[in-house]
């Protein structure tokens, strides 16, 4: 009995020890699993944090490089724009100096021109005469010529803005700059004619009108057929050389001017036929009306005071210059609408 009791006690101790060890093993196993899970969770958290985390220095460097690149591109575009503007200015001023030299040398002294205030209807009132200097006989006819400079400056600025916005190319800007530089130069020439009434400035006033109309044709031809320097030079030589017709007849200026107007309209219509934008209809009609006003009001300048005395203050010549300035405005509007339509059409076609 005692032996049996001792063996049962031993078995209980062994069982107790075994169960205790098993329990401890289970506890250790649970703790190891819990610790392992915690370690894995921490590793996942740190991994996610490292994935989400970006070094601020690298971020600043990349942004800085991008900003620097954009700034460099803007500087390059501005430099190219000013370079094209300067080339356009030289393209206008150098031929103009040649024309001035020929007139100064007396090549066209025999050309018939109307000089003297008796050929103009404007007669300022007594109050206006008291305020004005003696050399300014026609204040409105003088002041209106600043409108050419203002309008030309506006469209040059518009051209620069359109180029910087990537709406036109450099060659588009070059064409526009030339037209508006010529328009800006015409204002001072006409002003000198009004103030001095010298025949030399009268010749320059007539002669300088031709290239403006011819450049409208060149602009239209460029939109339809692309850039052709030889053709452009031929057109401008024909335009400038056509003034020699005034050496043979007193109406040579009027004949050549009519031919230039027809050529300009043909160039505008051909460009519209290739790029029929609805935005071009209004400026085209207004350009034709302003051109008619420019020619017609000037012809009836001396007849308008017979209709009403107000036309001795606001003369037909003054109104014709207003129409001419707006003609320049609508011509620019017309060709820019065509240019925008052309680039949109070509971009869609390339896609």
C-alpha atoms as a PDB file:
ATOM      1  CA  UNK A   1       0.000   0.000   0.000  1.00  0.00           C
ATOM      2  CA  UNK A   2       2.773   2.369   0.926  1.00  0.00           C
ATOM      3  CA  UNK A   3       4.538   1.522  -2.334  1.00  0.00           C
ATOM      4  CA  UNK A   4       1.395   2.192  -4.298  1.00  0.00           C
ATOM      5  CA  UNK A   5       0.923   5.527  -2.587  1.00  0.00           C
ATOM      6  CA  UNK A   6       4.530   6.506  -3.278  1.00  0.00           C
ATOM      7  CA  UNK A   7       4.198   5.596  -7.001  1.00  0.00           C
ATOM      8  CA  UNK A   8       0.956   7.525  -7.333  1.00  0.00           C
ATOM      9  CA  UNK A   9       2.561  10.546  -5.733  1.00  0.00           C
ATOM     10  CA  UNK A  10       5.523  10.254  -8.124  1.00  0.00           C
ATOM     11  CA  UNK A  11       3.134  10.046 -11.055  1.00  0.00           C
ATOM     12  CA  UNK A  12       1.261  13.092  -9.794  1.00  0.00           C
ATOM     13  CA  UNK A  13       4.530  15.021  -9.493  1.00  0.00           C
ATOM     14  CA  UNK A  14       5.592  13.946 -12.954  1.00  0.00           C
ATOM     15  CA  UNK A  15       2.192  14.866 -14.313  1.00  0.00           C
ATOM     16  CA  UNK A  16       2.335  18.176 -12.499  1.00  0.00           C
ATOM     17  CA  UNK A  17       5.815  18.854 -13.791  1.00  0.00           C
ATOM     18  CA  UNK A  18       4.796  17.824 -17.286  1.00  0.00           C
ATOM     19  CA  UNK A  19       1.687  19.936 -17.264  1.00  0.00           C
ATOM     20  CA  UNK A  20       3.618  22.852 -15.840  1.00  0.00           C
ATOM     21  CA  UNK A  21       6.266  22.558 -18.503  1.00  0.00           C
ATOM     22  CA  UNK A  22       3.582  22.229 -21.142  1.00  0.00           C
ATOM     23  CA  UNK A  23       1.784  25.211 -19.807  1.00  0.00           C
ATOM     24  CA  UNK A  24       5.029  27.201 -19.733  1.00  0.00           C
ATOM     25  CA  UNK A  25       5.817  26.097 -23.270  1.00  0.00           C
ATOM     26  CA  UNK A  26       2.409  27.154 -24.383  1.00  0.00           C
ATOM     27  CA  UNK A  27       2.860  30.490 -22.664  1.00  0.00           C
ATOM     28  CA  UNK A  28       6.281  30.926 -24.219  1.00  0.00           C
ATOM     29  CA  UNK A  29       4.890  30.000 -27.615  1.00  0.00           C
ATOM     30  CA  UNK A  30       2.112  32.527 -27.261  1.00  0.00           C
ATOM     31  CA  UNK A  31       4.565  35.209 -26.161  1.00  0.00           C
ATOM     32  CA  UNK A  32       6.855  34.421 -29.090  1.00  0.00           C
ATOM     33  CA  UNK A  33       3.954  34.654 -31.522  1.00  0.00           C
ATOM     34  CA  UNK A  34       2.811  37.908 -29.958  1.00  0.00           C
ATOM     35  CA  UNK A  35       6.344  39.313 -30.075  1.00  0.00           C
ATOM     36  CA  UNK A  36       6.762  38.165 -33.667  1.00  0.00           C
ATOM     37  CA  UNK A  37       3.491  39.808 -34.627  1.00  0.00           C
ATOM     38  CA  UNK A  38       4.547  43.043 -32.959  1.00  0.00           C
ATOM     39  CA  UNK A  39       7.895  42.983 -34.748  1.00  0.00           C
ATOM     40  CA  UNK A  40       6.220  42.347 -38.095  1.00  0.00           C
ATOM     41  CA  UNK A  41       3.723  45.133 -37.467  1.00  0.00           C
ATOM     42  CA  UNK A  42       6.526  47.524 -36.607  1.00  0.00           C
ATOM     43  CA  UNK A  43       8.437  46.482 -39.722  1.00  0.00           C
ATOM     44  CA  UNK A  44       5.371  47.010 -41.898  1.00  0.00           C
ATOM     45  CA  UNK A  45       4.759  50.410 -40.330  1.00  0.00           C
ATOM     46  CA  UNK A  46       8.321  51.539 -40.837  1.00  0.00           C
ATOM     47  CA  UNK A  47       8.268  50.208 -44.394  1.00  0.00           C
ATOM     48  CA  UNK A  48       5.108  52.137 -45.192  1.00  0.00           C
ATOM     49  CA  UNK A  49       6.534  55.214 -43.569  1.00  0.00           C
ATOM     50  CA  UNK A  50       9.693  54.964 -45.618  1.00  0.00           C
ATOM     51  CA  UNK A  51       7.628  54.453 -48.747  1.00  0.00           C
ATOM     52  CA  UNK A  52       5.529  57.511 -48.048  1.00  0.00           C
ATOM     53  CA  UNK A  53       8.407  59.617 -46.854  1.00  0.00           C
ATOM     54  CA  UNK A  54      10.223  61.705 -49.483  1.00  0.00           C
ATOM     55  CA  UNK A  55      13.346  63.594 -48.757  1.00  0.00           C
ATOM     56  CA  UNK A  56      12.539  67.289 -48.767  1.00  0.00           C
ATOM     57  CA  UNK A  57      15.932  68.078 -50.199  1.00  0.00           C
ATOM     58  CA  UNK A  58      15.336  65.925 -53.275  1.00  0.00           C
ATOM     59  CA  UNK A  59      11.844  67.372 -53.644  1.00  0.00           C
ATOM     60  CA  UNK A  60      13.171  70.896 -53.510  1.00  0.00           C
ATOM     61  CA  UNK A  61      15.914  70.015 -55.965  1.00  0.00           C
ATOM     62  CA  UNK A  62      13.479  68.525 -58.475  1.00  0.00           C
ATOM     63  CA  UNK A  63      11.086  71.434 -58.183  1.00  0.00           C
ATOM     64  CA  UNK A  64      13.934  73.865 -58.404  1.00  0.00           C
ATOM     65  CA  UNK A  65      15.207  72.234 -61.571  1.00  0.00           C
ATOM     66  CA  UNK A  66      11.728  72.310 -63.089  1.00  0.00           C
ATOM     67  CA  UNK A  67      11.251  75.956 -62.195  1.00  0.00           C
ATOM     68  CA  UNK A  68      14.673  76.772 -63.574  1.00  0.00           C
ATOM     69  CA  UNK A  69      13.861  74.926 -66.797  1.00  0.00           C
ATOM     70  CA  UNK A  70      10.576  76.800 -67.211  1.00  0.00           C
ATOM     71  CA  UNK A  71      12.338  80.066 -66.513  1.00  0.00           C
ATOM     72  CA  UNK A  72      15.043  79.272 -69.056  1.00  0.00           C
ATOM     73  CA  UNK A  73      12.412  78.401 -71.669  1.00  0.00           C
ATOM     74  CA  UNK A  74      10.642  81.701 -71.002  1.00  0.00           C
ATOM     75  CA  UNK A  75      13.932  83.584 -71.328  1.00  0.00           C
ATOM     76  CA  UNK A  76      14.707  81.817 -74.606  1.00  0.00           C
ATOM     77  CA  UNK A  77      11.237  82.627 -75.955  1.00  0.00           C
ATOM     78  CA  UNK A  78      11.591  86.269 -74.935  1.00  0.00           C
ATOM     79  CA  UNK A  79      15.022  86.493 -76.533  1.00  0.00           C
ATOM     80  CA  UNK A  80      13.728  84.943 -79.765  1.00  0.00           C
ATOM     81  CA  UNK A  81      10.757  87.310 -79.765  1.00  0.00           C
ATOM     82  CA  UNK A  82      12.922  90.413 -79.335  1.00  0.00           C
ATOM     83  CA  UNK A  83      15.306  89.132 -81.990  1.00  0.00           C
ATOM     84  CA  UNK A  84      12.455  88.702 -84.478  1.00  0.00           C
ATOM     85  CA  UNK A  85      11.079  92.113 -83.546  1.00  0.00           C
ATOM     86  CA  UNK A  86      14.470  93.715 -84.220  1.00  0.00           C
ATOM     87  CA  UNK A  87      14.770  91.916 -87.567  1.00  0.00           C
ATOM     88  CA  UNK A  88      11.305  93.129 -88.536  1.00  0.00           C
ATOM     89  CA  UNK A  89      12.256  96.669 -87.560  1.00  0.00           C
ATOM     90  CA  UNK A  90      15.357  96.515 -89.763  1.00  0.00           C
ATOM     91  CA  UNK A  91      13.282  95.026 -92.591  1.00  0.00           C
ATOM     92  CA  UNK A  92      11.103  98.141 -92.467  1.00  0.00           C
ATOM     93  CA  UNK A  93      13.553 100.898 -91.637  1.00  0.00           C
ATOM     94  CA  UNK A  94      16.278 100.025 -94.166  1.00  0.00           C
ATOM     95  CA  UNK A  95      14.005 100.097 -97.268  1.00  0.00           C
ATOM     96  CA  UNK A  96      12.346 103.204 -95.812  1.00  0.00           C
ATOM     97  CA  UNK A  97      15.712 104.931 -95.624  1.00  0.00           C
ATOM     98  CA  UNK A  98      16.291 104.060 -99.286  1.00  0.00           C
ATOM     99  CA  UNK A  99      12.956 105.666-100.195  1.00  0.00           C
ATOM    100  CA  UNK A 100      13.773 108.732 -98.099  1.00  0.00           C
ATOM    101  CA  UNK A 101      17.131 109.054 -99.839  1.00  0.00           C
ATOM    102  CA  UNK A 102      15.605 108.903-103.327  1.00  0.00           C
ATOM    103  CA  UNK A 103      13.085 111.588-102.391  1.00  0.00           C
ATOM    104  CA  UNK A 104      15.789 113.718-100.806  1.00  0.00           C
ATOM    105  CA  UNK A 105      17.902 113.465-103.965  1.00  0.00           C
ATOM    106  CA  UNK A 106      15.003 114.955-105.943  1.00  0.00           C
ATOM    107  CA  UNK A 107      14.175 111.933-108.089  1.00  0.00           C
ATOM    108  CA  UNK A 108      10.444 112.633-107.693  1.00  0.00           C
ATOM    109  CA  UNK A 109      10.433 116.420-107.628  1.00  0.00           C
ATOM    110  CA  UNK A 110       8.357 116.495-110.818  1.00  0.00           C
ATOM    111  CA  UNK A 111       5.529 114.419-109.271  1.00  0.00           C
ATOM    112  CA  UNK A 112       2.229 116.273-108.960  1.00  0.00           C
ATOM    113  CA  UNK A 113       1.136 116.675-105.323  1.00  0.00           C
ATOM    114  CA  UNK A 114      -1.400 118.923-103.619  1.00  0.00           C
ATOM    115  CA  UNK A 115       0.382 121.187-101.170  1.00  0.00           C
ATOM    116  CA  UNK A 116      -1.057 124.010 -99.077  1.00  0.00           C
ATOM    117  CA  UNK A 117      -3.921 124.331 -96.596  1.00  0.00           C
ATOM    118  CA  UNK A 118      -6.276 125.340 -99.399  1.00  0.00           C
ATOM    119  CA  UNK A 119      -6.444 121.642-100.319  1.00  0.00           C
ATOM    120  CA  UNK A 120      -7.874 120.784 -96.889  1.00  0.00           C
ATOM    121  CA  UNK A 121     -11.293 121.663 -95.499  1.00  0.00           C
ATOM    122  CA  UNK A 122     -10.276 121.964 -91.841  1.00  0.00           C
ATOM    123  CA  UNK A 123     -10.401 125.527 -90.517  1.00  0.00           C
ATOM    124  CA  UNK A 124     -10.033 125.846 -86.747  1.00  0.00           C
ATOM    125  CA  UNK A 125     -12.114 128.463 -84.933  1.00  0.00           C
ATOM    126  CA  UNK A 126     -10.751 131.719 -83.522  1.00  0.00           C
ATOM    127  CA  UNK A 127     -10.637 130.312 -80.002  1.00  0.00           C
ATOM    128  CA  UNK A 128      -8.651 127.303 -81.169  1.00  0.00           C
ATOM    129  CA  UNK A 129      -6.234 129.493 -83.138  1.00  0.00           C
ATOM    130  CA  UNK A 130      -5.508 131.541 -80.022  1.00  0.00           C
ATOM    131  CA  UNK A 131      -4.498 128.426 -78.109  1.00  0.00           C
ATOM    132  CA  UNK A 132      -2.470 126.739 -80.831  1.00  0.00           C
ATOM    133  CA  UNK A 133       0.986 127.682 -82.136  1.00  0.00           C
ATOM    134  CA  UNK A 134       1.093 129.403 -85.520  1.00  0.00           C
ATOM    135  CA  UNK A 135       2.712 126.474 -87.269  1.00  0.00           C
ATOM    136  CA  UNK A 136      -0.213 124.163 -86.418  1.00  0.00           C
ATOM    137  CA  UNK A 137      -2.803 125.149 -88.995  1.00  0.00           C
ATOM    138  CA  UNK A 138      -4.906 121.981 -88.774  1.00  0.00           C
ATOM    139  CA  UNK A 139      -4.966 120.561 -85.228  1.00  0.00           C
ATOM    140  CA  UNK A 140      -7.236 117.568 -85.804  1.00  0.00           C
ATOM    141  CA  UNK A 141      -5.521 116.524 -89.023  1.00  0.00           C
ATOM    142  CA  UNK A 142      -2.238 116.708 -87.106  1.00  0.00           C
ATOM    143  CA  UNK A 143      -3.328 114.916 -83.937  1.00  0.00           C
ATOM    144  CA  UNK A 144      -4.993 112.027 -85.737  1.00  0.00           C
ATOM    145  CA  UNK A 145      -1.634 110.760 -86.966  1.00  0.00           C
ATOM    146  CA  UNK A 146      -0.675 109.703 -83.463  1.00  0.00           C
ATOM    147  CA  UNK A 147      -3.439 107.135 -83.807  1.00  0.00           C
ATOM    148  CA  UNK A 148      -1.278 105.184 -86.278  1.00  0.00           C
ATOM    149  CA  UNK A 149       1.503 104.884 -83.720  1.00  0.00           C
ATOM    150  CA  UNK A 150      -0.882 103.882 -80.930  1.00  0.00           C
ATOM    151  CA  UNK A 151      -2.644 101.276 -83.061  1.00  0.00           C
ATOM    152  CA  UNK A 152       0.658  99.836 -84.301  1.00  0.00           C
ATOM    153  CA  UNK A 153       2.020  99.632 -80.743  1.00  0.00           C
ATOM    154  CA  UNK A 154      -1.129  97.859 -79.587  1.00  0.00           C
ATOM    155  CA  UNK A 155      -0.907  95.178 -82.260  1.00  0.00           C
ATOM    156  CA  UNK A 156       2.827  94.709 -81.737  1.00  0.00           C
ATOM    157  CA  UNK A 157       2.088  94.060 -78.058  1.00  0.00           C
ATOM    158  CA  UNK A 158      -0.731  91.707 -79.061  1.00  0.00           C
ATOM    159  CA  UNK A 159       1.671  89.849 -81.352  1.00  0.00           C
ATOM    160  CA  UNK A 160       4.186  89.427 -78.535  1.00  0.00           C
ATOM    161  CA  UNK A 161       1.498  88.148 -76.174  1.00  0.00           C
ATOM    162  CA  UNK A 162       0.205  85.689 -78.771  1.00  0.00           C
ATOM    163  CA  UNK A 163       3.709  84.347 -79.354  1.00  0.00           C
ATOM    164  CA  UNK A 164       4.414  83.920 -75.646  1.00  0.00           C
ATOM    165  CA  UNK A 165       1.109  82.050 -75.332  1.00  0.00           C
ATOM    166  CA  UNK A 166       2.260  79.678 -78.141  1.00  0.00           C
ATOM    167  CA  UNK A 167      -0.638  80.677 -80.351  1.00  0.00           C
ATOM    168  CA  UNK A 168       1.579  81.840 -83.233  1.00  0.00           C
ATOM    169  CA  UNK A 169       5.030  80.978 -84.531  1.00  0.00           C
ATOM    170  CA  UNK A 170       8.064  83.200 -84.928  1.00  0.00           C
ATOM    171  CA  UNK A 171       7.435  83.676 -88.636  1.00  0.00           C
ATOM    172  CA  UNK A 172       3.831  84.680 -87.895  1.00  0.00           C
ATOM    173  CA  UNK A 173       5.137  87.266 -85.452  1.00  0.00           C
ATOM    174  CA  UNK A 174       7.674  88.505 -88.004  1.00  0.00           C
ATOM    175  CA  UNK A 175       4.955  89.086 -90.620  1.00  0.00           C
ATOM    176  CA  UNK A 176       2.785  90.943 -88.117  1.00  0.00           C
ATOM    177  CA  UNK A 177       5.626  93.088 -86.788  1.00  0.00           C
ATOM    178  CA  UNK A 178       6.535  94.264 -90.280  1.00  0.00           C
ATOM    179  CA  UNK A 179       2.975  95.304 -91.080  1.00  0.00           C
ATOM    180  CA  UNK A 180       2.555  97.207 -87.838  1.00  0.00           C
ATOM    181  CA  UNK A 181       5.984  98.831 -87.970  1.00  0.00           C
ATOM    182  CA  UNK A 182       5.086 100.171 -91.410  1.00  0.00           C
ATOM    183  CA  UNK A 183       1.772 101.439 -90.042  1.00  0.00           C
ATOM    184  CA  UNK A 184       3.571 103.104 -87.144  1.00  0.00           C
ATOM    185  CA  UNK A 185       6.039 104.839 -89.481  1.00  0.00           C
ATOM    186  CA  UNK A 186       3.237 106.134 -91.699  1.00  0.00           C
ATOM    187  CA  UNK A 187       1.855 108.325 -88.896  1.00  0.00           C
ATOM    188  CA  UNK A 188       4.937 110.579 -88.489  1.00  0.00           C
ATOM    189  CA  UNK A 189       5.308 110.881 -92.274  1.00  0.00           C
ATOM    190  CA  UNK A 190       1.719 112.069 -92.645  1.00  0.00           C
ATOM    191  CA  UNK A 191       2.187 114.413 -89.662  1.00  0.00           C
ATOM    192  CA  UNK A 192       5.229 116.029 -91.274  1.00  0.00           C
ATOM    193  CA  UNK A 193       3.272 116.531 -94.476  1.00  0.00           C
ATOM    194  CA  UNK A 194       0.423 118.273 -92.615  1.00  0.00           C
ATOM    195  CA  UNK A 195       2.739 120.502 -90.597  1.00  0.00           C
ATOM    196  CA  UNK A 196       5.212 121.478 -93.326  1.00  0.00           C
ATOM    197  CA  UNK A 197       3.205 121.146 -96.569  1.00  0.00           C
ATOM    198  CA  UNK A 198       6.469 120.358 -98.343  1.00  0.00           C
ATOM    199  CA  UNK A 199       6.251 118.368-101.603  1.00  0.00           C
ATOM    200  CA  UNK A 200       8.911 115.905-100.402  1.00  0.00           C
ATOM    201  CA  UNK A 201       6.750 114.767 -97.497  1.00  0.00           C
ATOM    202  CA  UNK A 202       3.737 114.648 -99.810  1.00  0.00           C
ATOM    203  CA  UNK A 203       5.640 112.212-102.045  1.00  0.00           C
ATOM    204  CA  UNK A 204       6.609 110.101 -99.038  1.00  0.00           C
ATOM    205  CA  UNK A 205       3.004 110.119 -97.839  1.00  0.00           C
ATOM    206  CA  UNK A 206       1.801 108.753-101.156  1.00  0.00           C
ATOM    207  CA  UNK A 207       4.642 106.331-101.701  1.00  0.00           C
ATOM    208  CA  UNK A 208       4.506 104.776 -98.239  1.00  0.00           C
ATOM    209  CA  UNK A 209       0.881 103.772 -98.729  1.00  0.00           C
ATOM    210  CA  UNK A 210       1.727 101.143-101.355  1.00  0.00           C
ATOM    211  CA  UNK A 211       3.829  98.723 -99.232  1.00  0.00           C
ATOM    212  CA  UNK A 212       1.115  98.619 -96.572  1.00  0.00           C
ATOM    213  CA  UNK A 213      -1.457  97.310 -99.041  1.00  0.00           C
ATOM    214  CA  UNK A 214       1.054  94.989-100.676  1.00  0.00           C
ATOM    215  CA  UNK A 215       1.964  93.480 -97.311  1.00  0.00           C
ATOM    216  CA  UNK A 216      -1.677  92.512 -96.831  1.00  0.00           C
ATOM    217  CA  UNK A 217      -1.363  90.412 -99.984  1.00  0.00           C
ATOM    218  CA  UNK A 218       1.957  88.976 -98.744  1.00  0.00           C
ATOM    219  CA  UNK A 219       0.343  88.042 -95.439  1.00  0.00           C
ATOM    220  CA  UNK A 220      -2.472  86.219 -97.201  1.00  0.00           C
ATOM    221  CA  UNK A 221      -0.066  84.445 -99.558  1.00  0.00           C
ATOM    222  CA  UNK A 222       2.052  83.343 -96.602  1.00  0.00           C
ATOM    223  CA  UNK A 223      -0.941  81.736 -94.901  1.00  0.00           C
ATOM    224  CA  UNK A 224      -1.923  79.834 -98.033  1.00  0.00           C
ATOM    225  CA  UNK A 225       1.475  78.896 -99.493  1.00  0.00           C
ATOM    226  CA  UNK A 226       4.028  79.351 -96.723  1.00  0.00           C
ATOM    227  CA  UNK A 227       7.138  81.486 -96.519  1.00  0.00           C
ATOM    228  CA  UNK A 228       8.738  82.368 -99.862  1.00  0.00           C
ATOM    229  CA  UNK A 229      11.390  85.055 -99.521  1.00  0.00           C
ATOM    230  CA  UNK A 230      12.036  85.487-103.245  1.00  0.00           C
ATOM    231  CA  UNK A 231       8.336  85.951-103.963  1.00  0.00           C
ATOM    232  CA  UNK A 232       8.015  88.484-101.130  1.00  0.00           C
ATOM    233  CA  UNK A 233      10.982  90.495-102.407  1.00  0.00           C
ATOM    234  CA  UNK A 234       9.490  90.508-105.901  1.00  0.00           C
ATOM    235  CA  UNK A 235       6.151  91.747-104.560  1.00  0.00           C
ATOM    236  CA  UNK A 236       7.760  94.563-102.582  1.00  0.00           C
ATOM    237  CA  UNK A 237       9.968  95.621-105.503  1.00  0.00           C
ATOM    238  CA  UNK A 238       6.881  95.771-107.702  1.00  0.00           C
ATOM    239  CA  UNK A 239       5.051  97.797-105.046  1.00  0.00           C
ATOM    240  CA  UNK A 240       7.819 100.325-104.485  1.00  0.00           C
ATOM    241  CA  UNK A 241       8.652 100.538-108.183  1.00  0.00           C
ATOM    242  CA  UNK A 242       5.041 101.190-109.155  1.00  0.00           C
ATOM    243  CA  UNK A 243       5.320 104.717-107.786  1.00  0.00           C
ATOM    244  CA  UNK A 244       7.399 105.611-110.829  1.00  0.00           C
ATOM    245  CA  UNK A 245       4.054 105.713-112.653  1.00  0.00           C
ATOM    246  CA  UNK A 246       3.570 109.155-111.082  1.00  0.00           C
ATOM    247  CA  UNK A 247       6.445 110.435-113.215  1.00  0.00           C
ATOM    248  CA  UNK A 248       4.403 109.864-116.369  1.00  0.00           C
ATOM    249  CA  UNK A 249       0.884 110.924-115.416  1.00  0.00           C
ATOM    250  CA  UNK A 250      -0.748 113.123-112.784  1.00  0.00           C
ATOM    251  CA  UNK A 251      -3.117 110.322-111.816  1.00  0.00           C
ATOM    252  CA  UNK A 252      -0.355 107.733-111.527  1.00  0.00           C
ATOM    253  CA  UNK A 253      -0.711 107.603-107.740  1.00  0.00           C
ATOM    254  CA  UNK A 254      -4.448 106.922-107.921  1.00  0.00           C
ATOM    255  CA  UNK A 255      -4.021 104.197-110.568  1.00  0.00           C
ATOM    256  CA  UNK A 256      -1.300 102.382-108.651  1.00  0.00           C
ATOM    257  CA  UNK A 257      -3.242 102.739-105.383  1.00  0.00           C
ATOM    258  CA  UNK A 258      -6.319 101.154-106.936  1.00  0.00           C
ATOM    259  CA  UNK A 259      -4.230  98.230-108.179  1.00  0.00           C
ATOM    260  CA  UNK A 260      -2.738  97.758-104.714  1.00  0.00           C
ATOM    261  CA  UNK A 261      -6.154  97.756-103.049  1.00  0.00           C
ATOM    262  CA  UNK A 262      -7.424  95.088-105.453  1.00  0.00           C
ATOM    263  CA  UNK A 263      -4.313  92.947-104.893  1.00  0.00           C
ATOM    264  CA  UNK A 264      -4.711  93.238-101.105  1.00  0.00           C
ATOM    265  CA  UNK A 265      -8.353  92.132-101.270  1.00  0.00           C
ATOM    266  CA  UNK A 266      -7.413  89.170-103.488  1.00  0.00           C
ATOM    267  CA  UNK A 267      -4.767  88.044-100.990  1.00  0.00           C
ATOM    268  CA  UNK A 268      -7.225  88.271 -98.106  1.00  0.00           C
ATOM    269  CA  UNK A 269      -9.901  86.304 -99.982  1.00  0.00           C
ATOM    270  CA  UNK A 270      -7.478  83.545-101.011  1.00  0.00           C
ATOM    271  CA  UNK A 271      -6.410  83.100 -97.398  1.00  0.00           C
ATOM    272  CA  UNK A 272     -10.033  82.892 -96.283  1.00  0.00           C
ATOM    273  CA  UNK A 273     -10.836  80.273 -98.926  1.00  0.00           C
ATOM    274  CA  UNK A 274      -8.178  77.974 -97.511  1.00  0.00           C
ATOM    275  CA  UNK A 275      -9.013  78.667 -93.856  1.00  0.00           C
ATOM    276  CA  UNK A 276     -12.710  79.618 -93.737  1.00  0.00           C
ATOM    277  CA  UNK A 277     -13.008  80.766 -90.143  1.00  0.00           C
ATOM    278  CA  UNK A 278     -16.292  82.328 -89.053  1.00  0.00           C
ATOM    279  CA  UNK A 279     -14.337  84.786 -86.892  1.00  0.00           C
ATOM    280  CA  UNK A 280     -12.947  86.402 -90.062  1.00  0.00           C
ATOM    281  CA  UNK A 281     -16.216  87.579 -91.590  1.00  0.00           C
ATOM    282  CA  UNK A 282     -16.782  90.618 -89.391  1.00  0.00           C
ATOM    283  CA  UNK A 283     -13.231  92.053 -89.602  1.00  0.00           C
ATOM    284  CA  UNK A 284     -13.160  91.433 -93.364  1.00  0.00           C
ATOM    285  CA  UNK A 285     -16.363  93.416 -93.949  1.00  0.00           C
ATOM    286  CA  UNK A 286     -15.198  96.179 -91.623  1.00  0.00           C
ATOM    287  CA  UNK A 287     -11.827  96.348 -93.388  1.00  0.00           C
ATOM    288  CA  UNK A 288     -13.554  96.851 -96.745  1.00  0.00           C
ATOM    289  CA  UNK A 289     -15.831  99.547 -95.301  1.00  0.00           C
ATOM    290  CA  UNK A 290     -12.915 101.332 -93.644  1.00  0.00           C
ATOM    291  CA  UNK A 291     -10.920 101.176 -96.876  1.00  0.00           C
ATOM    292  CA  UNK A 292     -13.853 102.723 -98.745  1.00  0.00           C
ATOM    293  CA  UNK A 293     -14.098 105.393 -96.063  1.00  0.00           C
ATOM    294  CA  UNK A 294     -10.375 106.065 -96.258  1.00  0.00           C
ATOM    295  CA  UNK A 295     -10.523 106.705 -99.997  1.00  0.00           C
ATOM    296  CA  UNK A 296     -13.987 108.246-100.301  1.00  0.00           C
ATOM    297  CA  UNK A 297     -13.900 110.696 -97.385  1.00  0.00           C
ATOM    298  CA  UNK A 298     -10.568 112.036 -98.557  1.00  0.00           C
ATOM    299  CA  UNK A 299     -11.917 112.646-102.064  1.00  0.00           C
ATOM    300  CA  UNK A 300     -14.964 114.605-100.834  1.00  0.00           C
ATOM    301  CA  UNK A 301     -13.094 116.548 -98.166  1.00  0.00           C
ATOM    302  CA  UNK A 302     -13.654 119.942 -99.823  1.00  0.00           C
ATOM    303  CA  UNK A 303     -17.271 119.149-100.733  1.00  0.00           C
ATOM    304  CA  UNK A 304     -18.478 118.194 -97.252  1.00  0.00           C
ATOM    305  CA  UNK A 305     -18.502 121.795 -95.877  1.00  0.00           C
ATOM    306  CA  UNK A 306     -21.138 122.581 -98.496  1.00  0.00           C
ATOM    307  CA  UNK A 307     -23.385 120.056 -96.751  1.00  0.00           C
ATOM    308  CA  UNK A 308     -22.778 121.388 -93.225  1.00  0.00           C
ATOM    309  CA  UNK A 309     -20.275 123.848 -91.660  1.00  0.00           C
ATOM    310  CA  UNK A 310     -19.321 121.264 -89.041  1.00  0.00           C
ATOM    311  CA  UNK A 311     -17.113 119.648 -91.663  1.00  0.00           C
ATOM    312  CA  UNK A 312     -14.769 122.642 -91.506  1.00  0.00           C
ATOM    313  CA  UNK A 313     -13.939 121.560 -87.947  1.00  0.00           C
ATOM    314  CA  UNK A 314     -14.264 117.794 -88.323  1.00  0.00           C
ATOM    315  CA  UNK A 315     -13.133 117.494 -91.913  1.00  0.00           C
ATOM    316  CA  UNK A 316     -13.430 114.643 -94.373  1.00  0.00           C
ATOM    317  CA  UNK A 317      -9.654 114.277 -94.365  1.00  0.00           C
ATOM    318  CA  UNK A 318      -9.670 113.791 -90.594  1.00  0.00           C
ATOM    319  CA  UNK A 319     -12.461 111.220 -90.829  1.00  0.00           C
ATOM    320  CA  UNK A 320     -10.633 109.404 -93.624  1.00  0.00           C
ATOM    321  CA  UNK A 321      -7.621 109.014 -91.340  1.00  0.00           C
ATOM    322  CA  UNK A 322      -9.856 107.620 -88.602  1.00  0.00           C
ATOM    323  CA  UNK A 323     -11.156 105.091 -91.124  1.00  0.00           C
ATOM    324  CA  UNK A 324      -7.594 104.261 -92.165  1.00  0.00           C
ATOM    325  CA  UNK A 325      -6.526 103.619 -88.568  1.00  0.00           C
ATOM    326  CA  UNK A 326      -9.474 101.298 -88.037  1.00  0.00           C
ATOM    327  CA  UNK A 327      -8.645  99.624 -91.327  1.00  0.00           C
ATOM    328  CA  UNK A 328      -5.263  98.683 -89.860  1.00  0.00           C
ATOM    329  CA  UNK A 329      -7.021  97.403 -86.759  1.00  0.00           C
ATOM    330  CA  UNK A 330      -9.435  95.169 -88.651  1.00  0.00           C
ATOM    331  CA  UNK A 331      -6.760  93.872 -91.013  1.00  0.00           C
ATOM    332  CA  UNK A 332      -4.782  92.699 -87.988  1.00  0.00           C
ATOM    333  CA  UNK A 333      -7.896  91.179 -86.459  1.00  0.00           C
ATOM    334  CA  UNK A 334      -8.693  89.389 -89.714  1.00  0.00           C
ATOM    335  CA  UNK A 335      -5.282  87.822 -90.213  1.00  0.00           C
ATOM    336  CA  UNK A 336      -4.850  86.839 -86.582  1.00  0.00           C
ATOM    337  CA  UNK A 337      -8.198  85.034 -86.733  1.00  0.00           C
ATOM    338  CA  UNK A 338      -6.974  83.210 -89.849  1.00  0.00           C
ATOM    339  CA  UNK A 339      -3.659  82.381 -88.180  1.00  0.00           C
ATOM    340  CA  UNK A 340      -5.323  80.945 -85.074  1.00  0.00           C
ATOM    341  CA  UNK A 341      -7.688  78.909 -87.225  1.00  0.00           C
ATOM    342  CA  UNK A 342      -4.778  77.620 -89.315  1.00  0.00           C
ATOM    343  CA  UNK A 343      -2.773  76.415 -86.318  1.00  0.00           C
ATOM    344  CA  UNK A 344      -5.811  74.781 -84.709  1.00  0.00           C
ATOM    345  CA  UNK A 345      -6.609  73.035 -87.986  1.00  0.00           C
ATOM    346  CA  UNK A 346      -3.036  71.795 -88.416  1.00  0.00           C
ATOM    347  CA  UNK A 347      -2.792  70.584 -84.811  1.00  0.00           C
ATOM    348  CA  UNK A 348      -6.034  68.605 -85.140  1.00  0.00           C
ATOM    349  CA  UNK A 349      -4.853  67.173 -88.449  1.00  0.00           C
ATOM    350  CA  UNK A 350      -1.550  66.024 -86.946  1.00  0.00           C
ATOM    351  CA  UNK A 351      -3.402  64.254 -84.126  1.00  0.00           C
END
